[in-house]
Amino acid sequence: PAITALRPIFSRQRIKEGARRRLRQFDVGAKFSHLPLRKASVLLPLLVRDGKLQLLLTVRSMQLRRSPGEVCFPGGKSEATDKDEIDTALREAKEEVGLQPEKVEVICRLVPGLDKMNHLVTPVVGFIEDTFQATPNPDEVSEVFFVPLEYFVKPLNYETLPYKTSSGYLGWMHCFTYDDHEHKQSFMIWGLTAHFAVFLALVIFGKKPTFKVDYDLDNLVSSSESNFMNLYASIHERKKSNL
């Protein structure tokens, strides 16, 4: 019986080790930190439950001015006291869901994205304990839930939404609907949150998703960086034309 009890521990370690190895190849470190944009960070908290990698997500409180009721990762704008993007993500996760920074094993920073306000948003990936019990701060977060990471490459309910950035850049946005049996409700995951979740799943699983993505899957590092730089250039051009 002792051996069977150890089996889940071994498989959990194996799953984590595989994910760590893949993620480290995609770590951008501080490569984009110098860009002259206001900064924000989000934490992509991974854990292993039921033999699967799961991702923690939150629902923004209805009292918030910006994007109330939307699904997102714990995170927010950087503050003067934050050393770097990792500090920002950990501080915000503690404020929003009660996750203690020392309980997060930070693995890497992935290619950033741009939010609606043109903040440079850096996704920080970290493992949290599978026993973690969130204590949401009701002013900021109304729900915390978990989605198997694989859902972001093999979803049951997926559509694309067209969008246009403030600089006139036209694109398509991933939109997932996830039926959570624990909460007996459906969550809609879209925008930058879905973008980061998809990229994380592509990095870790290294397999082709069941929907179209605008990456070269054989050169995920370089194509994700050039996609981002193109998006950044489109804002930059707009700023210049406004001068």
Protein backbone atom coordinates (compact mmCIF):
# COMPACT_ATOMS: atom_id res chain seq x y z
CA PRO A 1 0.00 0.00 0.00
CA ALA A 2 2.86 2.40 0.77
CA ILE A 3 4.04 2.06 -2.82
CA THR A 4 0.62 2.90 -4.25
CA ALA A 5 0.50 5.94 -1.98
CA LEU A 6 3.81 7.11 -3.43
CA ARG A 7 2.68 6.72 -7.01
CA PRO A 8 0.67 9.97 -7.19
CA ILE A 9 3.60 11.83 -5.60
CA PHE A 10 5.99 10.48 -8.22
CA SER A 11 3.66 11.26 -11.09
CA ARG A 12 3.04 14.76 -9.69
CA GLN A 13 6.80 15.36 -9.55
CA ARG A 14 7.20 13.99 -13.08
CA ILE A 15 4.46 16.25 -14.46
CA LYS A 16 6.00 19.28 -12.74
CA GLU A 17 9.52 18.43 -13.86
CA GLY A 18 8.41 18.11 -17.50
CA ALA A 19 6.59 21.46 -17.33
CA ARG A 20 9.56 23.19 -15.66
CA ARG A 21 11.92 21.94 -18.35
CA ARG A 22 9.72 23.22 -21.18
CA LEU A 23 9.01 26.55 -19.50
CA ARG A 24 12.67 27.34 -18.85
CA GLN A 25 13.32 27.23 -22.60
CA PHE A 26 10.80 30.05 -23.01
CA ASP A 27 11.96 32.29 -20.17
CA VAL A 28 12.37 35.84 -21.51
CA GLY A 29 13.72 37.20 -18.21
CA ALA A 30 14.00 40.98 -18.37
CA LYS A 31 14.31 41.07 -22.16
CA PHE A 32 11.28 43.35 -22.67
CA SER A 33 11.48 45.26 -19.39
CA HIS A 34 13.19 48.28 -21.00
CA LEU A 35 10.26 49.09 -23.31
CA PRO A 36 8.92 52.57 -22.49
CA LEU A 37 5.41 51.49 -21.47
CA ARG A 38 3.61 51.45 -18.14
CA LYS A 39 3.99 48.01 -16.62
CA ALA A 40 1.73 45.37 -15.15
CA SER A 41 2.18 41.69 -14.31
CA VAL A 42 -0.01 38.65 -13.89
CA LEU A 43 0.74 35.38 -12.12
CA LEU A 44 -0.15 32.18 -13.99
CA PRO A 45 -0.44 29.80 -11.00
CA LEU A 46 -0.03 26.13 -11.98
CA LEU A 47 -0.73 23.16 -9.77
CA VAL A 48 -1.21 19.43 -10.20
CA ARG A 49 -4.61 18.02 -9.23
CA ASP A 50 -6.10 14.67 -10.24
CA GLY A 51 -2.91 13.87 -12.14
CA LYS A 52 -3.32 16.93 -14.37
CA LEU A 53 -1.84 20.39 -14.63
CA GLN A 54 -4.44 22.96 -13.63
CA LEU A 55 -4.43 26.72 -13.86
CA LEU A 56 -5.89 29.04 -11.21
CA LEU A 57 -8.09 31.86 -12.51
CA THR A 58 -10.13 34.56 -10.82
CA VAL A 59 -13.29 36.52 -11.57
CA ARG A 60 -12.99 40.26 -11.06
CA SER A 61 -15.33 41.77 -8.50
CA MET A 62 -18.42 43.54 -9.86
CA GLN A 63 -17.42 46.61 -7.81
CA LEU A 64 -14.30 47.24 -9.87
CA ARG A 65 -14.30 50.11 -12.31
CA ARG A 66 -12.32 48.30 -14.98
CA SER A 67 -13.57 45.03 -16.51
CA PRO A 68 -15.91 44.01 -13.64
CA GLY A 69 -16.98 40.35 -13.70
CA GLU A 70 -14.29 39.34 -16.19
CA VAL A 71 -12.08 36.29 -15.78
CA CYS A 72 -8.41 37.04 -15.30
CA PHE A 73 -5.21 35.93 -13.59
CA PRO A 74 -4.16 37.45 -10.27
CA GLY A 75 -2.18 40.58 -11.12
CA GLY A 76 -2.11 44.30 -11.62
CA LYS A 77 -0.04 47.41 -12.19
CA SER A 78 3.52 47.62 -11.01
CA GLU A 79 4.27 49.82 -7.99
CA ALA A 80 7.42 51.80 -7.19
CA THR A 81 8.39 49.35 -4.44
CA ASP A 82 8.34 46.30 -6.77
CA LYS A 83 11.83 45.12 -7.73
CA ASP A 84 10.65 43.61 -11.01
CA GLU A 85 7.71 41.97 -12.80
CA ILE A 86 7.93 38.89 -10.59
CA ASP A 87 7.58 41.04 -7.46
CA THR A 88 4.49 42.73 -8.92
CA ALA A 89 2.79 39.43 -9.77
CA LEU A 90 3.49 37.91 -6.33
CA ARG A 91 2.38 41.03 -4.44
CA GLU A 92 -0.88 41.22 -6.38
CA ALA A 93 -1.59 37.49 -5.96
CA LYS A 94 -1.17 37.88 -2.20
CA GLU A 95 -3.53 40.90 -2.14
CA GLU A 96 -6.16 39.27 -4.35
CA VAL A 97 -6.32 35.60 -3.34
CA GLY A 98 -4.17 35.34 -0.19
CA LEU A 99 -1.36 33.44 -1.89
CA GLN A 100 1.84 33.88 0.14
CA PRO A 101 4.84 34.76 -2.10
CA GLU A 102 7.05 32.15 -0.43
CA LYS A 103 4.51 29.47 -1.39
CA VAL A 104 5.09 30.12 -5.11
CA GLU A 105 7.87 28.40 -7.01
CA VAL A 106 8.49 30.96 -9.76
CA ILE A 107 9.62 29.27 -13.00
CA CYS A 108 9.82 31.96 -15.65
CA ARG A 109 8.53 35.08 -17.35
CA LEU A 110 6.93 34.58 -20.76
CA VAL A 111 6.59 36.97 -23.72
CA PRO A 112 4.49 39.93 -22.55
CA GLY A 113 1.22 41.19 -23.99
CA LEU A 114 -0.49 44.56 -24.21
CA ASP A 115 -3.75 45.27 -22.44
CA LYS A 116 -6.52 47.68 -23.50
CA MET A 117 -4.72 50.52 -21.73
CA ASN A 118 -1.46 49.67 -23.53
CA HIS A 119 0.25 48.48 -20.36
CA LEU A 120 3.09 46.04 -20.95
CA VAL A 121 1.70 42.95 -19.16
CA THR A 122 4.26 40.30 -18.20
CA PRO A 123 3.01 36.77 -17.45
CA VAL A 124 4.95 35.17 -14.59
CA VAL A 125 4.55 31.39 -14.34
CA GLY A 126 4.84 29.64 -10.99
CA PHE A 127 3.86 26.40 -9.28
CA ILE A 128 1.67 26.58 -6.20
CA GLU A 129 0.82 23.80 -3.77
CA ASP A 130 -2.03 21.55 -4.88
CA THR A 131 -3.62 22.01 -1.45
CA PHE A 132 -3.79 25.80 -1.84
CA GLN A 133 -7.07 27.26 -0.53
CA ALA A 134 -7.71 30.74 -1.88
CA THR A 135 -9.04 33.48 0.39
CA PRO A 136 -10.32 35.99 -2.18
CA ASN A 137 -10.33 39.68 -1.31
CA PRO A 138 -14.01 40.54 -2.03
CA ASP A 139 -13.12 44.08 -3.15
CA GLU A 140 -11.12 42.65 -6.03
CA VAL A 141 -12.13 39.04 -6.63
CA SER A 142 -15.56 37.41 -6.56
CA GLU A 143 -14.56 33.82 -7.49
CA VAL A 144 -11.50 31.60 -7.79
CA PHE A 145 -11.62 28.50 -9.99
CA PHE A 146 -9.33 25.99 -11.71
CA VAL A 147 -9.19 24.89 -15.34
CA PRO A 148 -7.16 21.92 -16.64
CA LEU A 149 -4.38 23.49 -18.71
CA GLU A 150 -5.11 21.08 -21.52
CA TYR A 151 -8.46 22.82 -22.05
CA PHE A 152 -6.53 25.65 -23.71
CA VAL A 153 -5.36 23.39 -26.53
CA LYS A 154 -8.35 20.98 -26.61
CA PRO A 155 -11.39 22.99 -25.57
CA LEU A 156 -14.97 21.70 -25.64
CA ASN A 157 -16.40 25.14 -26.21
CA TYR A 158 -14.40 27.64 -28.24
CA GLU A 159 -14.95 30.54 -30.62
CA THR A 160 -12.92 33.41 -32.01
CA LEU A 161 -13.96 37.02 -31.66
CA PRO A 162 -12.68 39.78 -33.95
CA TYR A 163 -11.15 42.78 -32.26
CA LYS A 164 -9.45 46.00 -33.20
CA THR A 165 -6.78 47.66 -31.08
CA SER A 166 -6.75 51.40 -30.46
CA SER A 167 -4.02 51.61 -33.11
CA GLY A 168 -6.32 50.06 -35.72
CA TYR A 169 -4.62 46.65 -35.61
CA LEU A 170 -7.16 43.96 -36.54
CA GLY A 171 -6.94 40.56 -34.96
CA TRP A 172 -8.79 37.56 -33.61
CA MET A 173 -9.25 36.82 -29.97
CA HIS A 174 -9.59 33.38 -28.38
CA CYS A 175 -12.77 32.89 -26.38
CA PHE A 176 -13.30 29.76 -24.24
CA THR A 177 -16.38 28.80 -22.29
CA TYR A 178 -15.52 26.45 -19.44
CA ASP A 179 -18.19 24.54 -17.52
CA ASP A 180 -17.02 24.26 -13.95
CA HIS A 181 -18.75 21.37 -12.19
CA GLU A 182 -17.46 22.40 -8.78
CA HIS A 183 -19.10 25.85 -9.03
CA LYS A 184 -21.94 24.56 -11.23
CA GLN A 185 -21.48 27.49 -13.59
CA SER A 186 -19.80 28.46 -16.83
CA PHE A 187 -16.92 30.87 -17.10
CA MET A 188 -15.99 32.80 -20.21
CA ILE A 189 -12.24 33.20 -20.67
CA TRP A 190 -11.15 35.56 -23.41
CA GLY A 191 -8.84 38.46 -24.30
CA LEU A 192 -5.33 38.65 -22.89
CA THR A 193 -6.12 36.04 -20.23
CA ALA A 194 -7.02 33.47 -22.91
CA HIS A 195 -4.01 34.56 -24.97
CA PHE A 196 -1.62 33.83 -22.07
CA ALA A 197 -3.35 30.54 -21.17
CA VAL A 198 -3.12 29.29 -24.77
CA PHE A 199 0.55 30.20 -25.03
CA LEU A 200 1.30 28.49 -21.70
CA ALA A 201 -0.46 25.32 -22.89
CA LEU A 202 1.39 25.37 -26.23
CA VAL A 203 4.72 25.74 -24.43
CA ILE A 204 4.12 22.95 -21.94
CA PHE A 205 2.34 20.39 -24.12
CA GLY A 206 4.17 21.16 -27.37
CA LYS A 207 1.23 19.91 -29.42
CA LYS A 208 -1.01 21.39 -32.03
CA PRO A 209 -4.24 22.89 -30.67
CA THR A 210 -7.65 21.99 -32.12
CA PHE A 211 -8.07 25.61 -33.30
CA LYS A 212 -5.99 28.08 -35.29
CA VAL A 213 -3.23 30.09 -33.59
CA ASP A 214 -1.08 32.80 -35.11
CA TYR A 215 2.22 31.20 -34.09
CA ASP A 216 4.65 29.12 -36.08
CA LEU A 217 4.41 26.06 -33.84
CA ASP A 218 7.84 24.81 -34.95
CA ASN A 219 9.42 28.12 -33.90
CA LEU A 220 7.29 29.09 -30.97
CA VAL A 221 9.94 31.25 -29.26
CA SER A 222 10.80 33.44 -32.25
CA SER A 223 7.27 33.67 -33.62
CA SER A 224 5.77 34.69 -30.26
CA GLU A 225 8.44 37.37 -29.84
CA SER A 226 7.98 38.73 -33.35
CA ASN A 227 4.17 38.76 -32.97
CA PHE A 228 4.60 40.82 -29.82
CA MET A 229 7.11 43.21 -31.40
CA ASN A 230 4.75 43.77 -34.36
CA LEU A 231 1.95 44.64 -31.96
CA TYR A 232 4.27 46.93 -30.01
CA ALA A 233 5.44 48.60 -33.24
CA SER A 234 1.81 49.29 -34.20
CA ILE A 235 1.32 51.31 -30.96
CA HIS A 236 4.62 53.03 -31.41
CA GLU A 237 3.66 54.13 -34.92
CA ARG A 238 0.39 55.52 -33.60
CA LYS A 239 2.18 57.47 -30.88
CA LYS A 240 4.47 58.98 -33.49
CA SER A 241 1.58 59.94 -35.76
CA ASN A 242 -0.18 61.63 -32.81
CA LEU A 243 2.82 63.86 -32.10
